[in-house]
Amino acid sequence: MKKPFRIATMAYLIWLGAILGAVLYAGAVVAPVIFHSAYWLGSEVLTRYQEGLIMTRNFVLLSYGITVTLIAVFLYEGYKYKMGERDKLTSVAALLVIMTGAMFNWYYLPDIVTMQMAGEEMTRSAAFAATHKGSELDFKIFAVAIVVLMIQNMRKACK
Protein backbone atom coordinates (compact mmCIF):
# COMPACT_ATOMS: atom_id res chain seq x y z
CA MET A 1 0.00 0.00 0.00
CA LYS A 2 1.45 3.36 -1.01
CA LYS A 3 2.12 5.89 1.75
CA PRO A 4 -0.51 8.50 0.66
CA PHE A 5 -3.20 5.82 0.49
CA ARG A 6 -2.07 4.43 3.86
CA ILE A 7 -2.46 7.91 5.39
CA ALA A 8 -5.87 8.26 3.72
CA THR A 9 -6.87 4.87 5.13
CA MET A 10 -5.84 5.89 8.66
CA ALA A 11 -7.73 9.20 8.38
CA TYR A 12 -10.77 7.34 7.00
CA LEU A 13 -10.77 4.82 9.84
CA ILE A 14 -10.34 7.56 12.45
CA TRP A 15 -13.26 9.50 10.92
CA LEU A 16 -15.48 6.39 10.85
CA GLY A 17 -14.60 5.73 14.50
CA ALA A 18 -15.36 9.32 15.46
CA ILE A 19 -18.73 9.37 13.70
CA LEU A 20 -19.61 5.96 15.17
CA GLY A 21 -18.76 7.33 18.62
CA ALA A 22 -20.92 10.40 18.01
CA VAL A 23 -23.84 8.25 16.82
CA LEU A 24 -23.58 5.91 19.81
CA TYR A 25 -23.15 8.80 22.25
CA ALA A 26 -26.20 10.60 20.85
CA GLY A 27 -28.35 7.51 21.13
CA ALA A 28 -27.05 6.00 24.36
CA VAL A 29 -26.21 9.07 26.46
CA VAL A 30 -27.64 12.31 25.10
CA ALA A 31 -31.16 11.05 24.34
CA PRO A 32 -31.73 9.36 27.72
CA VAL A 33 -30.45 12.41 29.61
CA ILE A 34 -32.55 14.87 27.62
CA PHE A 35 -35.72 12.76 27.74
CA HIS A 36 -35.37 12.21 31.49
CA SER A 37 -34.58 15.82 32.37
CA ALA A 38 -36.91 15.75 35.37
CA TYR A 39 -34.70 13.11 36.97
CA TRP A 40 -31.55 15.18 36.46
CA LEU A 41 -33.05 18.57 37.28
CA GLY A 42 -35.12 17.41 40.24
CA SER A 43 -38.44 18.61 38.86
CA GLU A 44 -40.42 18.81 35.64
CA VAL A 45 -38.87 21.89 33.99
CA LEU A 46 -39.20 20.87 30.34
CA THR A 47 -42.15 19.28 28.56
CA ARG A 48 -41.66 16.21 26.37
CA TYR A 49 -42.07 18.48 23.35
CA GLN A 50 -39.31 20.83 24.53
CA GLU A 51 -37.03 17.87 25.22
CA GLY A 52 -37.74 16.67 21.68
CA LEU A 53 -36.79 20.07 20.27
CA ILE A 54 -33.45 19.93 22.09
CA MET A 55 -32.79 16.39 20.89
CA THR A 56 -33.66 17.32 17.32
CA ARG A 57 -31.14 20.16 17.42
CA ASN A 58 -28.49 17.64 18.48
CA PHE A 59 -29.35 15.41 15.52
CA VAL A 60 -29.39 18.35 13.10
CA LEU A 61 -25.82 19.15 14.17
CA LEU A 62 -24.86 15.47 13.92
CA SER A 63 -26.26 15.38 10.38
CA TYR A 64 -23.36 17.60 9.21
CA GLY A 65 -20.91 14.91 10.31
CA ILE A 66 -23.05 12.26 8.66
CA THR A 67 -22.91 14.21 5.39
CA VAL A 68 -19.11 14.29 5.56
CA THR A 69 -19.18 10.56 6.27
CA LEU A 70 -21.33 9.87 3.22
CA ILE A 71 -18.91 11.77 1.00
CA ALA A 72 -15.87 10.05 2.57
CA VAL A 73 -17.37 6.56 2.19
CA PHE A 74 -18.39 7.24 -1.39
CA LEU A 75 -14.96 8.54 -2.37
CA TYR A 76 -12.81 6.08 -0.42
CA GLU A 77 -14.80 2.92 -1.13
CA GLY A 78 -15.41 4.02 -4.73
CA TYR A 79 -11.67 4.49 -5.26
CA LYS A 80 -10.91 1.07 -3.75
CA TYR A 81 -13.60 -0.52 -5.91
CA LYS A 82 -12.15 1.12 -9.03
CA MET A 83 -8.66 -0.12 -8.09
CA GLY A 84 -9.95 -3.70 -7.94
CA GLU A 85 -10.16 -4.09 -4.16
CA ARG A 86 -13.64 -5.54 -4.12
CA ASP A 87 -15.52 -7.72 -1.72
CA LYS A 88 -19.24 -8.09 -1.30
CA LEU A 89 -19.40 -7.39 2.43
CA THR A 90 -17.57 -4.07 2.14
CA SER A 91 -19.67 -3.06 -0.86
CA VAL A 92 -22.92 -3.87 0.95
CA ALA A 93 -21.79 -2.06 4.11
CA ALA A 94 -20.72 1.01 2.11
CA LEU A 95 -24.02 1.03 0.27
CA LEU A 96 -25.91 0.72 3.57
CA VAL A 97 -23.94 3.59 5.13
CA ILE A 98 -24.67 5.81 2.14
CA MET A 99 -28.35 4.85 1.87
CA THR A 100 -29.21 4.98 5.57
CA GLY A 101 -27.18 8.14 6.16
CA ALA A 102 -28.89 9.85 3.23
CA MET A 103 -32.31 8.69 4.42
CA PHE A 104 -31.64 10.01 7.91
CA ASN A 105 -30.31 13.37 6.70
CA TRP A 106 -32.73 14.08 3.88
CA TYR A 107 -35.87 12.10 4.70
CA TYR A 108 -36.36 11.40 8.39
CA LEU A 109 -34.75 14.50 9.93
CA PRO A 110 -36.59 17.03 7.72
CA ASP A 111 -39.90 15.22 8.35
CA ILE A 112 -39.36 15.27 12.11
CA VAL A 113 -38.39 18.96 12.06
CA THR A 114 -41.45 19.80 9.93
CA MET A 115 -43.77 17.89 12.27
CA GLN A 116 -42.26 19.62 15.29
CA MET A 117 -42.74 23.01 13.64
CA ALA A 118 -46.43 22.08 13.20
CA GLY A 119 -46.73 22.05 16.98
CA GLU A 120 -46.84 19.87 20.01
CA GLU A 121 -50.07 18.14 18.98
CA MET A 122 -48.48 16.87 15.76
CA THR A 123 -45.68 15.20 17.72
CA ARG A 124 -48.29 13.08 19.49
CA SER A 125 -49.66 11.71 16.20
CA ALA A 126 -49.24 8.21 14.82
CA ALA A 127 -47.44 9.66 11.79
CA PHE A 128 -44.80 11.25 14.02
CA ALA A 129 -44.40 8.05 16.04
CA ALA A 130 -43.94 6.00 12.85
CA THR A 131 -41.43 8.48 11.41
CA HIS A 132 -39.50 8.56 14.67
CA LYS A 133 -39.43 4.76 14.92
CA GLY A 134 -38.22 4.53 11.31
CA SER A 135 -35.45 7.04 12.00
CA GLU A 136 -34.30 5.02 15.03
CA LEU A 137 -34.12 1.82 12.98
CA ASP A 138 -32.35 3.65 10.16
CA PHE A 139 -29.79 5.07 12.61
CA LYS A 140 -29.11 1.61 14.07
CA ILE A 141 -28.51 0.13 10.61
CA PHE A 142 -26.20 3.08 9.85
CA ALA A 143 -24.15 2.36 13.00
CA VAL A 144 -23.86 -1.37 12.31
CA ALA A 145 -22.83 -0.72 8.70
CA ILE A 146 -20.09 1.65 9.91
CA VAL A 147 -18.80 -1.04 12.28
CA VAL A 148 -18.68 -3.53 9.40
CA LEU A 149 -16.84 -1.01 7.19
CA MET A 150 -14.31 -0.32 9.95
CA ILE A 151 -13.66 -4.01 10.59
CA GLN A 152 -13.31 -4.83 6.89
CA ASN A 153 -10.93 -1.93 6.26
CA MET A 154 -8.82 -2.65 9.35
CA ARG A 155 -8.64 -6.30 8.40
CA LYS A 156 -7.39 -5.41 4.91
CA ALA A 157 -5.00 -2.72 6.18
CA CYS A 158 -3.35 -5.13 8.62
CA LYS A 159 -2.44 -7.70 5.97
C-alpha atoms as a PDB file:
ATOM      1  CA  MET A   1       0.000   0.000   0.000  1.00  0.00           C
ATOM      2  CA  LYS A   2       1.447   3.361  -1.006  1.00  0.00           C
ATOM      3  CA  LYS A   3       2.120   5.891   1.746  1.00  0.00           C
ATOM      4  CA  PRO A   4      -0.506   8.503   0.665  1.00  0.00           C
ATOM      5  CA  PHE A   5      -3.198   5.821   0.492  1.00  0.00           C
ATOM      6  CA  ARG A   6      -2.072   4.430   3.855  1.00  0.00           C
ATOM      7  CA  ILE A   7      -2.458   7.907   5.387  1.00  0.00           C
ATOM      8  CA  ALA A   8      -5.873   8.265   3.716  1.00  0.00           C
ATOM      9  CA  THR A   9      -6.871   4.873   5.131  1.00  0.00           C
ATOM     10  CA  MET A  10      -5.842   5.895   8.665  1.00  0.00           C
ATOM     11  CA  ALA A  11      -7.731   9.196   8.381  1.00  0.00           C
ATOM     12  CA  TYR A  12     -10.768   7.340   7.001  1.00  0.00           C
ATOM     13  CA  LEU A  13     -10.773   4.819   9.835  1.00  0.00           C
ATOM     14  CA  ILE A  14     -10.338   7.564  12.450  1.00  0.00           C
ATOM     15  CA  TRP A  15     -13.256   9.495  10.925  1.00  0.00           C
ATOM     16  CA  LEU A  16     -15.480   6.387  10.845  1.00  0.00           C
ATOM     17  CA  GLY A  17     -14.603   5.725  14.496  1.00  0.00           C
ATOM     18  CA  ALA A  18     -15.360   9.318  15.456  1.00  0.00           C
ATOM     19  CA  ILE A  19     -18.731   9.369  13.702  1.00  0.00           C
ATOM     20  CA  LEU A  20     -19.610   5.964  15.172  1.00  0.00           C
ATOM     21  CA  GLY A  21     -18.756   7.330  18.617  1.00  0.00           C
ATOM     22  CA  ALA A  22     -20.921  10.397  18.006  1.00  0.00           C
ATOM     23  CA  VAL A  23     -23.840   8.248  16.824  1.00  0.00           C
ATOM     24  CA  LEU A  24     -23.583   5.911  19.812  1.00  0.00           C
ATOM     25  CA  TYR A  25     -23.150   8.799  22.248  1.00  0.00           C
ATOM     26  CA  ALA A  26     -26.195  10.603  20.846  1.00  0.00           C
ATOM     27  CA  GLY A  27     -28.352   7.505  21.128  1.00  0.00           C
ATOM     28  CA  ALA A  28     -27.054   6.004  24.357  1.00  0.00           C
ATOM     29  CA  VAL A  29     -26.214   9.072  26.459  1.00  0.00           C
ATOM     30  CA  VAL A  30     -27.643  12.311  25.100  1.00  0.00           C
ATOM     31  CA  ALA A  31     -31.162  11.049  24.338  1.00  0.00           C
ATOM     32  CA  PRO A  32     -31.734   9.356  27.721  1.00  0.00           C
ATOM     33  CA  VAL A  33     -30.449  12.413  29.609  1.00  0.00           C
ATOM     34  CA  ILE A  34     -32.554  14.869  27.620  1.00  0.00           C
ATOM     35  CA  PHE A  35     -35.717  12.758  27.736  1.00  0.00           C
ATOM     36  CA  HIS A  36     -35.374  12.213  31.488  1.00  0.00           C
ATOM     37  CA  SER A  37     -34.585  15.821  32.366  1.00  0.00           C
ATOM     38  CA  ALA A  38     -36.913  15.748  35.369  1.00  0.00           C
ATOM     39  CA  TYR A  39     -34.704  13.106  36.970  1.00  0.00           C
ATOM     40  CA  TRP A  40     -31.550  15.175  36.459  1.00  0.00           C
ATOM     41  CA  LEU A  41     -33.049  18.573  37.281  1.00  0.00           C
ATOM     42  CA  GLY A  42     -35.116  17.413  40.244  1.00  0.00           C
ATOM     43  CA  SER A  43     -38.438  18.613  38.858  1.00  0.00           C
ATOM     44  CA  GLU A  44     -40.421  18.812  35.640  1.00  0.00           C
ATOM     45  CA  VAL A  45     -38.873  21.893  33.985  1.00  0.00           C
ATOM     46  CA  LEU A  46     -39.201  20.870  30.338  1.00  0.00           C
ATOM     47  CA  THR A  47     -42.148  19.280  28.565  1.00  0.00           C
ATOM     48  CA  ARG A  48     -41.655  16.208  26.373  1.00  0.00           C
ATOM     49  CA  TYR A  49     -42.075  18.481  23.352  1.00  0.00           C
ATOM     50  CA  GLN A  50     -39.314  20.829  24.530  1.00  0.00           C
ATOM     51  CA  GLU A  51     -37.035  17.869  25.221  1.00  0.00           C
ATOM     52  CA  GLY A  52     -37.738  16.675  21.676  1.00  0.00           C
ATOM     53  CA  LEU A  53     -36.788  20.066  20.267  1.00  0.00           C
ATOM     54  CA  ILE A  54     -33.446  19.928  22.089  1.00  0.00           C
ATOM     55  CA  MET A  55     -32.794  16.387  20.888  1.00  0.00           C
ATOM     56  CA  THR A  56     -33.657  17.320  17.320  1.00  0.00           C
ATOM     57  CA  ARG A  57     -31.138  20.164  17.420  1.00  0.00           C
ATOM     58  CA  ASN A  58     -28.493  17.635  18.478  1.00  0.00           C
ATOM     59  CA  PHE A  59     -29.352  15.409  15.523  1.00  0.00           C
ATOM     60  CA  VAL A  60     -29.386  18.352  13.102  1.00  0.00           C
ATOM     61  CA  LEU A  61     -25.820  19.151  14.172  1.00  0.00           C
ATOM     62  CA  LEU A  62     -24.861  15.471  13.916  1.00  0.00           C
ATOM     63  CA  SER A  63     -26.257  15.379  10.378  1.00  0.00           C
ATOM     64  CA  TYR A  64     -23.365  17.597   9.215  1.00  0.00           C
ATOM     65  CA  GLY A  65     -20.910  14.911  10.309  1.00  0.00           C
ATOM     66  CA  ILE A  66     -23.049  12.262   8.664  1.00  0.00           C
ATOM     67  CA  THR A  67     -22.914  14.209   5.394  1.00  0.00           C
ATOM     68  CA  VAL A  68     -19.108  14.295   5.557  1.00  0.00           C
ATOM     69  CA  THR A  69     -19.178  10.555   6.269  1.00  0.00           C
ATOM     70  CA  LEU A  70     -21.333   9.869   3.223  1.00  0.00           C
ATOM     71  CA  ILE A  71     -18.911  11.771   1.002  1.00  0.00           C
ATOM     72  CA  ALA A  72     -15.871  10.048   2.566  1.00  0.00           C
ATOM     73  CA  VAL A  73     -17.371   6.565   2.189  1.00  0.00           C
ATOM     74  CA  PHE A  74     -18.394   7.238  -1.391  1.00  0.00           C
ATOM     75  CA  LEU A  75     -14.955   8.543  -2.369  1.00  0.00           C
ATOM     76  CA  TYR A  76     -12.809   6.076  -0.419  1.00  0.00           C
ATOM     77  CA  GLU A  77     -14.797   2.918  -1.129  1.00  0.00           C
ATOM     78  CA  GLY A  78     -15.406   4.020  -4.726  1.00  0.00           C
ATOM     79  CA  TYR A  79     -11.673   4.489  -5.259  1.00  0.00           C
ATOM     80  CA  LYS A  80     -10.906   1.068  -3.747  1.00  0.00           C
ATOM     81  CA  TYR A  81     -13.597  -0.524  -5.915  1.00  0.00           C
ATOM     82  CA  LYS A  82     -12.154   1.121  -9.025  1.00  0.00           C
ATOM     83  CA  MET A  83      -8.659  -0.117  -8.090  1.00  0.00           C
ATOM     84  CA  GLY A  84      -9.952  -3.697  -7.938  1.00  0.00           C
ATOM     85  CA  GLU A  85     -10.158  -4.094  -4.158  1.00  0.00           C
ATOM     86  CA  ARG A  86     -13.640  -5.537  -4.117  1.00  0.00           C
ATOM     87  CA  ASP A  87     -15.519  -7.717  -1.723  1.00  0.00           C
ATOM     88  CA  LYS A  88     -19.240  -8.088  -1.300  1.00  0.00           C
ATOM     89  CA  LEU A  89     -19.402  -7.390   2.433  1.00  0.00           C
ATOM     90  CA  THR A  90     -17.566  -4.074   2.145  1.00  0.00           C
ATOM     91  CA  SER A  91     -19.673  -3.063  -0.861  1.00  0.00           C
ATOM     92  CA  VAL A  92     -22.920  -3.868   0.950  1.00  0.00           C
ATOM     93  CA  ALA A  93     -21.786  -2.061   4.109  1.00  0.00           C
ATOM     94  CA  ALA A  94     -20.717   1.010   2.113  1.00  0.00           C
ATOM     95  CA  LEU A  95     -24.024   1.034   0.267  1.00  0.00           C
ATOM     96  CA  LEU A  96     -25.915   0.721   3.569  1.00  0.00           C
ATOM     97  CA  VAL A  97     -23.938   3.587   5.126  1.00  0.00           C
ATOM     98  CA  ILE A  98     -24.671   5.805   2.142  1.00  0.00           C
ATOM     99  CA  MET A  99     -28.352   4.850   1.867  1.00  0.00           C
ATOM    100  CA  THR A 100     -29.211   4.983   5.573  1.00  0.00           C
ATOM    101  CA  GLY A 101     -27.183   8.144   6.162  1.00  0.00           C
ATOM    102  CA  ALA A 102     -28.890   9.853   3.228  1.00  0.00           C
ATOM    103  CA  MET A 103     -32.314   8.692   4.421  1.00  0.00           C
ATOM    104  CA  PHE A 104     -31.645  10.006   7.905  1.00  0.00           C
ATOM    105  CA  ASN A 105     -30.315  13.373   6.700  1.00  0.00           C
ATOM    106  CA  TRP A 106     -32.734  14.083   3.880  1.00  0.00           C
ATOM    107  CA  TYR A 107     -35.867  12.097   4.701  1.00  0.00           C
ATOM    108  CA  TYR A 108     -36.356  11.402   8.394  1.00  0.00           C
ATOM    109  CA  LEU A 109     -34.746  14.496   9.925  1.00  0.00           C
ATOM    110  CA  PRO A 110     -36.586  17.034   7.725  1.00  0.00           C
ATOM    111  CA  ASP A 111     -39.904  15.222   8.351  1.00  0.00           C
ATOM    112  CA  ILE A 112     -39.359  15.271  12.105  1.00  0.00           C
ATOM    113  CA  VAL A 113     -38.391  18.959  12.064  1.00  0.00           C
ATOM    114  CA  THR A 114     -41.453  19.795   9.933  1.00  0.00           C
ATOM    115  CA  MET A 115     -43.769  17.892  12.270  1.00  0.00           C
ATOM    116  CA  GLN A 116     -42.260  19.621  15.293  1.00  0.00           C
ATOM    117  CA  MET A 117     -42.741  23.006  13.643  1.00  0.00           C
ATOM    118  CA  ALA A 118     -46.430  22.084  13.201  1.00  0.00           C
ATOM    119  CA  GLY A 119     -46.731  22.053  16.982  1.00  0.00           C
ATOM    120  CA  GLU A 120     -46.843  19.866  20.015  1.00  0.00           C
ATOM    121  CA  GLU A 121     -50.073  18.139  18.979  1.00  0.00           C
ATOM    122  CA  MET A 122     -48.484  16.865  15.763  1.00  0.00           C
ATOM    123  CA  THR A 123     -45.680  15.205  17.721  1.00  0.00           C
ATOM    124  CA  ARG A 124     -48.293  13.084  19.494  1.00  0.00           C
ATOM    125  CA  SER A 125     -49.658  11.708  16.205  1.00  0.00           C
ATOM    126  CA  ALA A 126     -49.237   8.209  14.825  1.00  0.00           C
ATOM    127  CA  ALA A 127     -47.436   9.661  11.794  1.00  0.00           C
ATOM    128  CA  PHE A 128     -44.799  11.248  14.021  1.00  0.00           C
ATOM    129  CA  ALA A 129     -44.398   8.051  16.042  1.00  0.00           C
ATOM    130  CA  ALA A 130     -43.938   6.005  12.848  1.00  0.00           C
ATOM    131  CA  THR A 131     -41.430   8.479  11.414  1.00  0.00           C
ATOM    132  CA  HIS A 132     -39.501   8.558  14.672  1.00  0.00           C
ATOM    133  CA  LYS A 133     -39.433   4.756  14.917  1.00  0.00           C
ATOM    134  CA  GLY A 134     -38.222   4.531  11.312  1.00  0.00           C
ATOM    135  CA  SER A 135     -35.447   7.040  12.002  1.00  0.00           C
ATOM    136  CA  GLU A 136     -34.304   5.022  15.035  1.00  0.00           C
ATOM    137  CA  LEU A 137     -34.118   1.821  12.983  1.00  0.00           C
ATOM    138  CA  ASP A 138     -32.347   3.654  10.165  1.00  0.00           C
ATOM    139  CA  PHE A 139     -29.787   5.069  12.607  1.00  0.00           C
ATOM    140  CA  LYS A 140     -29.107   1.607  14.074  1.00  0.00           C
ATOM    141  CA  ILE A 141     -28.509   0.127  10.613  1.00  0.00           C
ATOM    142  CA  PHE A 142     -26.205   3.080   9.854  1.00  0.00           C
ATOM    143  CA  ALA A 143     -24.149   2.364  12.997  1.00  0.00           C
ATOM    144  CA  VAL A 144     -23.862  -1.369  12.313  1.00  0.00           C
ATOM    145  CA  ALA A 145     -22.825  -0.721   8.698  1.00  0.00           C
ATOM    146  CA  ILE A 146     -20.086   1.652   9.914  1.00  0.00           C
ATOM    147  CA  VAL A 147     -18.801  -1.039  12.284  1.00  0.00           C
ATOM    148  CA  VAL A 148     -18.678  -3.533   9.402  1.00  0.00           C
ATOM    149  CA  LEU A 149     -16.838  -1.012   7.194  1.00  0.00           C
ATOM    150  CA  MET A 150     -14.315  -0.322   9.947  1.00  0.00           C
ATOM    151  CA  ILE A 151     -13.655  -4.007  10.589  1.00  0.00           C
ATOM    152  CA  GLN A 152     -13.311  -4.827   6.890  1.00  0.00           C
ATOM    153  CA  ASN A 153     -10.926  -1.927   6.256  1.00  0.00           C
ATOM    154  CA  MET A 154      -8.815  -2.654   9.351  1.00  0.00           C
ATOM    155  CA  ARG A 155      -8.640  -6.303   8.402  1.00  0.00           C
ATOM    156  CA  LYS A 156      -7.390  -5.412   4.907  1.00  0.00           C
ATOM    157  CA  ALA A 157      -4.997  -2.722   6.179  1.00  0.00           C
ATOM    158  CA  CYS A 158      -3.352  -5.127   8.620  1.00  0.00           C
ATOM    159  CA  LYS A 159      -2.443  -7.698   5.966  1.00  0.00           C
END
